Amino acid sequence: MAQVKADSYGNLYIDNPWYIEDVTAAAADMDITITEEQAQDVLYAVANNFDANIGINWEVFYYHLENYRKD
């Protein structure tokens, strides 16, 4: 769930955390079994390829899981 937070300077921002458990849940949706290390790799891939026009959502996790499985 997204939350509005303030940094140490009082600047507001939206925080919308995603967790390793979200990666493993998406993998389960796709009938993919992954290790915690692989889930971390996928989480980093999602973060490192972030596109503000798309955001982060389940489809983004499915996309990166599919690419991870191909590698």
C-alpha atoms as a PDB file:
ATOM      1  CA  MET A   1       0.000   0.000   0.000  1.00  0.00           C
ATOM      2  CA  ALA A   2       1.395   3.371  -0.992  1.00  0.00           C
ATOM      3  CA  GLN A   3       1.964   5.858   1.791  1.00  0.00           C
ATOM      4  CA  VAL A   4       2.895   9.533   1.829  1.00  0.00           C
ATOM      5  CA  LYS A   5       6.020  10.049   3.929  1.00  0.00           C
ATOM      6  CA  ALA A   6       8.410  12.874   4.679  1.00  0.00           C
ATOM      7  CA  ASP A   7      12.183  12.756   4.432  1.00  0.00           C
ATOM      8  CA  SER A   8      14.495  14.309   7.025  1.00  0.00           C
ATOM      9  CA  TYR A   9      14.057  17.726   5.351  1.00  0.00           C
ATOM     10  CA  GLY A  10      10.270  17.573   5.446  1.00  0.00           C
ATOM     11  CA  ASN A  11       9.911  16.858   1.721  1.00  0.00           C
ATOM     12  CA  LEU A  12       6.934  14.642   1.003  1.00  0.00           C
ATOM     13  CA  TYR A  13       7.187  11.572  -1.210  1.00  0.00           C
ATOM     14  CA  ILE A  14       5.181   8.450  -2.003  1.00  0.00           C
ATOM     15  CA  ASP A  15       6.536   5.197  -0.634  1.00  0.00           C
ATOM     16  CA  ASN A  16       5.234   2.021  -2.237  1.00  0.00           C
ATOM     17  CA  PRO A  17       7.329  -0.899  -1.018  1.00  0.00           C
ATOM     18  CA  TRP A  18       7.606  -4.266  -2.768  1.00  0.00           C
ATOM     19  CA  TYR A  19       9.167  -7.247  -1.025  1.00  0.00           C
ATOM     20  CA  ILE A  20      10.860 -10.565  -1.796  1.00  0.00           C
ATOM     21  CA  GLU A  21       7.569 -12.204  -0.829  1.00  0.00           C
ATOM     22  CA  ASP A  22       5.921 -10.343  -3.717  1.00  0.00           C
ATOM     23  CA  VAL A  23       8.460 -11.814  -6.138  1.00  0.00           C
ATOM     24  CA  THR A  24       7.888 -15.336  -4.840  1.00  0.00           C
ATOM     25  CA  ALA A  25       4.100 -14.817  -5.015  1.00  0.00           C
ATOM     26  CA  ALA A  26       4.384 -13.683  -8.648  1.00  0.00           C
ATOM     27  CA  ALA A  27       6.603 -16.692  -9.378  1.00  0.00           C
ATOM     28  CA  ALA A  28       4.001 -18.990  -7.808  1.00  0.00           C
ATOM     29  CA  ASP A  29       1.327 -17.399 -10.027  1.00  0.00           C
ATOM     30  CA  MET A  30       3.486 -18.447 -12.989  1.00  0.00           C
ATOM     31  CA  ASP A  31       4.225 -21.923 -11.582  1.00  0.00           C
ATOM     32  CA  ILE A  32       7.910 -21.026 -11.261  1.00  0.00           C
ATOM     33  CA  THR A  33       9.948 -22.211  -8.279  1.00  0.00           C
ATOM     34  CA  ILE A  34      12.755 -19.814  -7.357  1.00  0.00           C
ATOM     35  CA  THR A  35      15.237 -19.536  -4.525  1.00  0.00           C
ATOM     36  CA  GLU A  36      15.498 -16.526  -2.241  1.00  0.00           C
ATOM     37  CA  GLU A  37      18.681 -15.498  -4.082  1.00  0.00           C
ATOM     38  CA  GLN A  38      16.882 -15.682  -7.440  1.00  0.00           C
ATOM     39  CA  ALA A  39      13.988 -13.655  -6.009  1.00  0.00           C
ATOM     40  CA  GLN A  40      16.509 -11.031  -4.903  1.00  0.00           C
ATOM     41  CA  ASP A  41      17.951 -10.940  -8.426  1.00  0.00           C
ATOM     42  CA  VAL A  42      14.488 -10.359  -9.861  1.00  0.00           C
ATOM     43  CA  LEU A  43      13.732  -7.643  -7.289  1.00  0.00           C
ATOM     44  CA  TYR A  44      16.975  -5.861  -8.249  1.00  0.00           C
ATOM     45  CA  ALA A  45      16.107  -6.237 -11.947  1.00  0.00           C
ATOM     46  CA  VAL A  46      12.730  -4.600 -11.327  1.00  0.00           C
ATOM     47  CA  ALA A  47      14.357  -1.734  -9.412  1.00  0.00           C
ATOM     48  CA  ASN A  48      17.212  -1.241 -11.871  1.00  0.00           C
ATOM     49  CA  ASN A  49      14.849  -1.136 -14.855  1.00  0.00           C
ATOM     50  CA  PHE A  50      12.251   1.102 -13.231  1.00  0.00           C
ATOM     51  CA  ASP A  51      10.180   3.110 -15.712  1.00  0.00           C
ATOM     52  CA  ALA A  52       8.109   5.855 -14.109  1.00  0.00           C
ATOM     53  CA  ASN A  53       5.679   5.708 -17.038  1.00  0.00           C
ATOM     54  CA  ILE A  54       4.803   2.115 -16.128  1.00  0.00           C
ATOM     55  CA  GLY A  55       5.547   1.983 -12.417  1.00  0.00           C
ATOM     56  CA  ILE A  56       5.933  -1.266 -10.524  1.00  0.00           C
ATOM     57  CA  ASN A  57       3.059  -3.723 -10.671  1.00  0.00           C
ATOM     58  CA  TRP A  58       2.443  -7.455 -10.936  1.00  0.00           C
ATOM     59  CA  GLU A  59       2.906  -7.428 -14.726  1.00  0.00           C
ATOM     60  CA  VAL A  60       6.378  -5.928 -14.266  1.00  0.00           C
ATOM     61  CA  PHE A  61       7.271  -8.768 -11.897  1.00  0.00           C
ATOM     62  CA  TYR A  62       5.895 -11.348 -14.372  1.00  0.00           C
ATOM     63  CA  TYR A  63       7.944  -9.779 -17.177  1.00  0.00           C
ATOM     64  CA  HIS A  64      11.194  -9.898 -15.188  1.00  0.00           C
ATOM     65  CA  LEU A  65      10.500 -13.420 -13.943  1.00  0.00           C
ATOM     66  CA  GLU A  66       9.961 -14.579 -17.517  1.00  0.00           C
ATOM     67  CA  ASN A  67      13.230 -12.928 -18.595  1.00  0.00           C
ATOM     68  CA  TYR A  68      15.035 -14.434 -15.614  1.00  0.00           C
ATOM     69  CA  ARG A  69      13.726 -17.885 -16.508  1.00  0.00           C
ATOM     70  CA  LYS A  70      14.995 -17.468 -20.093  1.00  0.00           C
ATOM     71  CA  ASP A  71      18.532 -16.646 -18.877  1.00  0.00           C
END
